[in-house]
């Protein structure tokens, strides 16, 4: 799998968690990050590339800033 796809996958999960769906309310930034990083059963850590997951961990504040800047 290409790195671009791996990066897009984690970004897509973050976006899905932050936005309302018919089956769930939107999560705040902290909750979305915990769901992705802590493997709480809603996500499975081994589905994410370890390097990309580590990059996510080290840039979570950028995800929040970007999300807030781009949300409709």
PDB file of N, CA and C in Angstrom:
ATOM      1  N   UNK A   1       0.854  -1.182   0.000  1.00  0.00           N
ATOM      2  CA  UNK A   1       0.000   0.000   0.000  1.00  0.00           C
ATOM      3  C   UNK A   1       0.895   1.239   0.000  1.00  0.00           C
ATOM      4  N   UNK A   2       0.568   2.189  -0.805  1.00  0.00           N
ATOM      5  CA  UNK A   2       1.353   3.423  -0.882  1.00  0.00           C
ATOM      6  C   UNK A   2       1.180   4.252   0.382  1.00  0.00           C
ATOM      7  N   UNK A   3       2.225   5.006   0.726  1.00  0.00           N
ATOM      8  CA  UNK A   3       2.157   5.863   1.919  1.00  0.00           C
ATOM      9  C   UNK A   3       1.043   6.880   1.833  1.00  0.00           C
ATOM     10  N   UNK A   4       0.772   7.379   0.625  1.00  0.00           N
ATOM     11  CA  UNK A   4      -0.302   8.359   0.473  1.00  0.00           C
ATOM     12  C   UNK A   4      -1.640   7.766   0.906  1.00  0.00           C
ATOM     13  N   UNK A   5      -1.863   6.520   0.561  1.00  0.00           N
ATOM     14  CA  UNK A   5      -3.103   5.848   0.945  1.00  0.00           C
ATOM     15  C   UNK A   5      -3.138   5.645   2.454  1.00  0.00           C
ATOM     16  N   UNK A   6      -2.017   5.296   3.035  1.00  0.00           N
ATOM     17  CA  UNK A   6      -1.956   5.089   4.489  1.00  0.00           C
ATOM     18  C   UNK A   6      -2.238   6.387   5.236  1.00  0.00           C
ATOM     19  N   UNK A   7      -1.699   7.474   4.736  1.00  0.00           N
ATOM     20  CA  UNK A   7      -1.938   8.785   5.354  1.00  0.00           C
ATOM     21  C   UNK A   7      -3.404   9.178   5.184  1.00  0.00           C
ATOM     22  N   UNK A   8      -3.933   8.983   3.989  1.00  0.00           N
ATOM     23  CA  UNK A   8      -5.332   9.315   3.716  1.00  0.00           C
ATOM     24  C   UNK A   8      -6.262   8.501   4.599  1.00  0.00           C
ATOM     25  N   UNK A   9      -5.921   7.257   4.856  1.00  0.00           N
ATOM     26  CA  UNK A   9      -6.758   6.392   5.692  1.00  0.00           C
ATOM     27  C   UNK A   9      -6.918   6.963   7.092  1.00  0.00           C
ATOM     28  N   UNK A  10      -5.838   7.356   7.733  1.00  0.00           N
ATOM     29  CA  UNK A  10      -5.937   7.877   9.095  1.00  0.00           C
ATOM     30  C   UNK A  10      -6.626   9.238   9.104  1.00  0.00           C
ATOM     31  N   UNK A  11      -6.379  10.051   8.083  1.00  0.00           N
ATOM     32  CA  UNK A  11      -7.057  11.343   7.988  1.00  0.00           C
ATOM     33  C   UNK A  11      -8.559  11.157   7.788  1.00  0.00           C
ATOM     34  N   UNK A  12      -8.947  10.150   7.003  1.00  0.00           N
ATOM     35  CA  UNK A  12     -10.359   9.865   6.765  1.00  0.00           C
ATOM     36  C   UNK A  12     -11.050   9.396   8.042  1.00  0.00           C
ATOM     37  N   UNK A  13     -10.382   8.570   8.819  1.00  0.00           N
ATOM     38  CA  UNK A  13     -10.955   8.110  10.093  1.00  0.00           C
ATOM     39  C   UNK A  13     -11.135   9.298  11.031  1.00  0.00           C
ATOM     40  N   UNK A  14     -10.128  10.157  11.118  1.00  0.00           N
ATOM     41  CA  UNK A  14     -10.232  11.347  11.966  1.00  0.00           C
ATOM     42  C   UNK A  14     -11.420  12.200  11.538  1.00  0.00           C
ATOM     43  N   UNK A  15     -11.545  12.447  10.242  1.00  0.00           N
ATOM     44  CA  UNK A  15     -12.641  13.256   9.721  1.00  0.00           C
ATOM     45  C   UNK A  15     -13.995  12.611  10.012  1.00  0.00           C
ATOM     46  N   UNK A  16     -14.095  11.313   9.832  1.00  0.00           N
ATOM     47  CA  UNK A  16     -15.357  10.611  10.099  1.00  0.00           C
ATOM     48  C   UNK A  16     -15.737  10.708  11.573  1.00  0.00           C
ATOM     49  N   UNK A  17     -14.759  10.614  12.445  1.00  0.00           N
ATOM     50  CA  UNK A  17     -15.049  10.733  13.879  1.00  0.00           C
ATOM     51  C   UNK A  17     -15.473  12.146  14.252  1.00  0.00           C
ATOM     52  N   UNK A  18     -14.894  13.148  13.621  1.00  0.00           N
ATOM     53  CA  UNK A  18     -15.202  14.536  13.960  1.00  0.00           C
ATOM     54  C   UNK A  18     -16.559  14.994  13.435  1.00  0.00           C
ATOM     55  N   UNK A  19     -17.069  14.324  12.405  1.00  0.00           N
ATOM     56  CA  UNK A  19     -18.327  14.741  11.795  1.00  0.00           C
ATOM     57  C   UNK A  19     -19.492  13.858  12.236  1.00  0.00           C
ATOM     58  N   UNK A  20     -20.645  14.484  12.312  1.00  0.00           N
ATOM     59  CA  UNK A  20     -21.862  13.757  12.672  1.00  0.00           C
ATOM     60  C   UNK A  20     -22.211  12.754  11.580  1.00  0.00           C
ATOM     61  N   UNK A  21     -22.680  11.611  11.999  1.00  0.00           N
ATOM     62  CA  UNK A  21     -23.198  10.594  11.093  1.00  0.00           C
ATOM     63  C   UNK A  21     -24.591  10.224  11.597  1.00  0.00           C
ATOM     64  N   UNK A  22     -25.382   9.578  10.776  1.00  0.00           N
ATOM     65  CA  UNK A  22     -26.740   9.221  11.213  1.00  0.00           C
ATOM     66  C   UNK A  22     -26.698   8.273  12.406  1.00  0.00           C
ATOM     67  N   UNK A  23     -25.613   7.563  12.576  1.00  0.00           N
ATOM     68  CA  UNK A  23     -25.495   6.569  13.640  1.00  0.00           C
ATOM     69  C   UNK A  23     -24.681   7.045  14.847  1.00  0.00           C
ATOM     70  N   UNK A  24     -24.153   8.309  14.793  1.00  0.00           N
ATOM     71  CA  UNK A  24     -23.354   8.798  15.913  1.00  0.00           C
ATOM     72  C   UNK A  24     -23.237  10.323  15.878  1.00  0.00           C
ATOM     73  N   UNK A  25     -23.052  10.919  17.046  1.00  0.00           N
ATOM     74  CA  UNK A  25     -22.790  12.364  17.094  1.00  0.00           C
ATOM     75  C   UNK A  25     -21.329  12.623  16.739  1.00  0.00           C
ATOM     76  N   UNK A  26     -20.969  13.873  16.479  1.00  0.00           N
ATOM     77  CA  UNK A  26     -19.555  14.176  16.212  1.00  0.00           C
ATOM     78  C   UNK A  26     -18.741  14.092  17.503  1.00  0.00           C
ATOM     79  N   UNK A  27     -17.516  13.661  17.391  1.00  0.00           N
ATOM     80  CA  UNK A  27     -16.607  13.640  18.532  1.00  0.00           C
ATOM     81  C   UNK A  27     -15.756  14.898  18.506  1.00  0.00           C
ATOM     82  N   UNK A  28     -15.357  15.368  19.682  1.00  0.00           N
ATOM     83  CA  UNK A  28     -14.424  16.486  19.735  1.00  0.00           C
ATOM     84  C   UNK A  28     -13.024  15.978  19.371  1.00  0.00           C
ATOM     85  N   UNK A  29     -12.091  16.896  19.207  1.00  0.00           N
ATOM     86  CA  UNK A  29     -10.739  16.542  18.776  1.00  0.00           C
ATOM     87  C   UNK A  29     -10.087  15.518  19.711  1.00  0.00           C
ATOM     88  N   UNK A  30     -10.130  15.776  21.003  1.00  0.00           N
ATOM     89  CA  UNK A  30      -9.485  14.881  21.967  1.00  0.00           C
ATOM     90  C   UNK A  30     -10.052  13.475  21.928  1.00  0.00           C
ATOM     91  N   UNK A  31     -11.365  13.377  21.855  1.00  0.00           N
ATOM     92  CA  UNK A  31     -12.002  12.057  21.797  1.00  0.00           C
ATOM     93  C   UNK A  31     -11.633  11.331  20.513  1.00  0.00           C
ATOM     94  N   UNK A  32     -11.642  12.045  19.400  1.00  0.00           N
ATOM     95  CA  UNK A  32     -11.280  11.428  18.117  1.00  0.00           C
ATOM     96  C   UNK A  32      -9.855  10.892  18.169  1.00  0.00           C
ATOM     97  N   UNK A  33      -8.945  11.663  18.728  1.00  0.00           N
ATOM     98  CA  UNK A  33      -7.553  11.225  18.825  1.00  0.00           C
ATOM     99  C   UNK A  33      -7.420  10.003  19.724  1.00  0.00           C
ATOM    100  N   UNK A  34      -8.103  10.009  20.858  1.00  0.00           N
ATOM    101  CA  UNK A  34      -8.045   8.855  21.761  1.00  0.00           C
ATOM    102  C   UNK A  34      -8.582   7.597  21.082  1.00  0.00           C
ATOM    103  N   UNK A  35      -9.657   7.719  20.330  1.00  0.00           N
ATOM    104  CA  UNK A  35     -10.225   6.569  19.634  1.00  0.00           C
ATOM    105  C   UNK A  35      -9.206   5.997  18.653  1.00  0.00           C
ATOM    106  N   UNK A  36      -8.522   6.858  17.941  1.00  0.00           N
ATOM    107  CA  UNK A  36      -7.532   6.399  16.957  1.00  0.00           C
ATOM    108  C   UNK A  36      -6.293   5.825  17.651  1.00  0.00           C
ATOM    109  N   UNK A  37      -5.776   6.505  18.643  1.00  0.00           N
ATOM    110  CA  UNK A  37      -4.498   6.138  19.259  1.00  0.00           C
ATOM    111  C   UNK A  37      -4.624   5.020  20.281  1.00  0.00           C
ATOM    112  N   UNK A  38      -5.720   4.992  21.038  1.00  0.00           N
ATOM    113  CA  UNK A  38      -5.821   4.063  22.167  1.00  0.00           C
ATOM    114  C   UNK A  38      -6.432   2.707  21.829  1.00  0.00           C
ATOM    115  N   UNK A  39      -6.819   2.481  20.575  1.00  0.00           N
ATOM    116  CA  UNK A  39      -7.346   1.166  20.179  1.00  0.00           C
ATOM    117  C   UNK A  39      -8.466   0.727  21.127  1.00  0.00           C
ATOM    118  N   UNK A  40      -9.504   1.543  21.210  1.00  0.00           N
ATOM    119  CA  UNK A  40     -10.589   1.277  22.161  1.00  0.00           C
ATOM    120  C   UNK A  40     -11.689   0.367  21.620  1.00  0.00           C
ATOM    121  N   UNK A  41     -11.456  -0.269  20.494  1.00  0.00           N
ATOM    122  CA  UNK A  41     -12.450  -1.174  19.919  1.00  0.00           C
ATOM    123  C   UNK A  41     -13.190  -0.570  18.743  1.00  0.00           C
ATOM    124  N   UNK A  42     -13.181   0.758  18.649  1.00  0.00           N
ATOM    125  CA  UNK A  42     -13.816   1.399  17.490  1.00  0.00           C
ATOM    126  C   UNK A  42     -12.849   1.480  16.318  1.00  0.00           C
ATOM    127  N   UNK A  43     -11.569   1.482  16.613  1.00  0.00           N
ATOM    128  CA  UNK A  43     -10.536   1.368  15.585  1.00  0.00           C
ATOM    129  C   UNK A  43      -9.591   0.254  16.014  1.00  0.00           C
ATOM    130  N   UNK A  44      -8.835  -0.260  15.087  1.00  0.00           N
ATOM    131  CA  UNK A  44      -7.884  -1.330  15.377  1.00  0.00           C
ATOM    132  C   UNK A  44      -6.510  -0.839  14.944  1.00  0.00           C
ATOM    133  N   UNK A  45      -5.608  -0.704  15.912  1.00  0.00           N
ATOM    134  CA  UNK A  45      -4.315  -0.091  15.638  1.00  0.00           C
ATOM    135  C   UNK A  45      -3.551  -0.765  14.514  1.00  0.00           C
ATOM    136  N   UNK A  46      -3.627  -2.072  14.417  1.00  0.00           N
ATOM    137  CA  UNK A  46      -2.826  -2.728  13.373  1.00  0.00           C
ATOM    138  C   UNK A  46      -3.363  -2.449  11.966  1.00  0.00           C
ATOM    139  N   UNK A  47      -4.508  -1.803  11.857  1.00  0.00           N
ATOM    140  CA  UNK A  47      -5.001  -1.377  10.543  1.00  0.00           C
ATOM    141  C   UNK A  47      -4.275  -0.133  10.050  1.00  0.00           C
ATOM    142  N   UNK A  48      -3.612   0.568  10.955  1.00  0.00           N
ATOM    143  CA  UNK A  48      -2.863   1.767  10.595  1.00  0.00           C
ATOM    144  C   UNK A  48      -1.382   1.422  10.477  1.00  0.00           C
ATOM    145  N   UNK A  49      -0.729   2.012   9.500  1.00  0.00           N
ATOM    146  CA  UNK A  49       0.711   1.863   9.359  1.00  0.00           C
ATOM    147  C   UNK A  49       1.373   2.458  10.598  1.00  0.00           C
ATOM    148  N   UNK A  50       2.287   1.735  11.249  1.00  0.00           N
ATOM    149  CA  UNK A  50       2.904   2.234  12.483  1.00  0.00           C
ATOM    150  C   UNK A  50       3.610   3.585  12.307  1.00  0.00           C
ATOM    151  N   UNK A  51       4.270   3.799  11.179  1.00  0.00           N
ATOM    152  CA  UNK A  51       4.950   5.078  10.952  1.00  0.00           C
ATOM    153  C   UNK A  51       3.941   6.213  10.818  1.00  0.00           C
ATOM    154  N   UNK A  52       2.843   5.954  10.133  1.00  0.00           N
ATOM    155  CA  UNK A  52       1.818   6.972   9.943  1.00  0.00           C
ATOM    156  C   UNK A  52       1.118   7.255  11.270  1.00  0.00           C
ATOM    157  N   UNK A  53       0.867   6.214  12.055  1.00  0.00           N
ATOM    158  CA  UNK A  53       0.238   6.401  13.362  1.00  0.00           C
ATOM    159  C   UNK A  53       1.143   7.237  14.271  1.00  0.00           C
ATOM    160  N   UNK A  54       2.431   6.977  14.235  1.00  0.00           N
ATOM    161  CA  UNK A  54       3.370   7.769  15.033  1.00  0.00           C
ATOM    162  C   UNK A  54       3.393   9.218  14.560  1.00  0.00           C
ATOM    163  N   UNK A  55       3.347   9.422  13.255  1.00  0.00           N
ATOM    164  CA  UNK A  55       3.292  10.791  12.714  1.00  0.00           C
ATOM    165  C   UNK A  55       2.006  11.478  13.158  1.00  0.00           C
ATOM    166  N   UNK A  56       0.893  10.746  13.171  1.00  0.00           N
ATOM    167  CA  UNK A  56      -0.370  11.302  13.655  1.00  0.00           C
ATOM    168  C   UNK A  56      -0.219  11.729  15.111  1.00  0.00           C
ATOM    169  N   UNK A  57       0.340  10.853  15.923  1.00  0.00           N
ATOM    170  CA  UNK A  57       0.537  11.165  17.342  1.00  0.00           C
ATOM    171  C   UNK A  57       1.339  12.461  17.531  1.00  0.00           C
ATOM    172  N   UNK A  58       2.338  12.634  16.710  1.00  0.00           N
ATOM    173  CA  UNK A  58       3.211  13.794  16.900  1.00  0.00           C
ATOM    174  C   UNK A  58       2.658  15.071  16.254  1.00  0.00           C
ATOM    175  N   UNK A  59       1.573  14.954  15.512  1.00  0.00           N
ATOM    176  CA  UNK A  59       1.007  16.136  14.835  1.00  0.00           C
ATOM    177  C   UNK A  59      -0.478  16.337  15.113  1.00  0.00           C
ATOM    178  N   UNK A  60      -0.981  15.788  16.205  1.00  0.00           N
ATOM    179  CA  UNK A  60      -2.426  15.875  16.457  1.00  0.00           C
ATOM    180  C   UNK A  60      -2.918  17.314  16.531  1.00  0.00           C
ATOM    181  N   UNK A  61      -2.091  18.213  17.021  1.00  0.00           N
ATOM    182  CA  UNK A  61      -2.547  19.612  17.095  1.00  0.00           C
ATOM    183  C   UNK A  61      -2.737  20.189  15.696  1.00  0.00           C
ATOM    184  N   UNK A  62      -1.944  19.759  14.741  1.00  0.00           N
ATOM    185  CA  UNK A  62      -2.109  20.217  13.360  1.00  0.00           C
ATOM    186  C   UNK A  62      -3.412  19.695  12.766  1.00  0.00           C
ATOM    187  N   UNK A  63      -3.795  18.476  13.118  1.00  0.00           N
ATOM    188  CA  UNK A  63      -5.069  17.936  12.642  1.00  0.00           C
ATOM    189  C   UNK A  63      -6.216  18.807  13.126  1.00  0.00           C
ATOM    190  N   UNK A  64      -6.171  19.201  14.398  1.00  0.00           N
ATOM    191  CA  UNK A  64      -7.235  20.037  14.950  1.00  0.00           C
ATOM    192  C   UNK A  64      -7.283  21.393  14.244  1.00  0.00           C
ATOM    193  N   UNK A  65      -6.125  22.024  14.061  1.00  0.00           N
ATOM    194  CA  UNK A  65      -6.079  23.328  13.404  1.00  0.00           C
ATOM    195  C   UNK A  65      -6.596  23.239  11.968  1.00  0.00           C
ATOM    196  N   UNK A  66      -6.167  22.215  11.261  1.00  0.00           N
ATOM    197  CA  UNK A  66      -6.597  22.039   9.871  1.00  0.00           C
ATOM    198  C   UNK A  66      -8.083  21.755   9.799  1.00  0.00           C
ATOM    199  N   UNK A  67      -8.580  20.896  10.680  1.00  0.00           N
ATOM    200  CA  UNK A  67     -10.010  20.579  10.695  1.00  0.00           C
ATOM    201  C   UNK A  67     -10.824  21.851  10.936  1.00  0.00           C
ATOM    202  N   UNK A  68     -10.446  22.620  11.922  1.00  0.00           N
ATOM    203  CA  UNK A  68     -11.186  23.836  12.254  1.00  0.00           C
ATOM    204  C   UNK A  68     -11.141  24.850  11.115  1.00  0.00           C
ATOM    205  N   UNK A  69     -10.010  24.924  10.435  1.00  0.00           N
ATOM    206  CA  UNK A  69      -9.869  25.862   9.312  1.00  0.00           C
ATOM    207  C   UNK A  69     -10.717  25.440   8.108  1.00  0.00           C
ATOM    208  N   UNK A  70     -10.843  24.138   7.882  1.00  0.00           N
ATOM    209  CA  UNK A  70     -11.506  23.656   6.670  1.00  0.00           C
ATOM    210  C   UNK A  70     -12.972  23.265   6.843  1.00  0.00           C
ATOM    211  N   UNK A  71     -13.437  23.134   8.089  1.00  0.00           N
ATOM    212  CA  UNK A  71     -14.818  22.663   8.265  1.00  0.00           C
ATOM    213  C   UNK A  71     -15.798  23.665   7.658  1.00  0.00           C
ATOM    214  N   UNK A  72     -16.885  23.109   7.165  1.00  0.00           N
ATOM    215  CA  UNK A  72     -17.877  23.932   6.464  1.00  0.00           C
ATOM    216  C   UNK A  72     -18.785  24.559   7.390  1.00  0.00           C
TER     217      UNK A  72
END
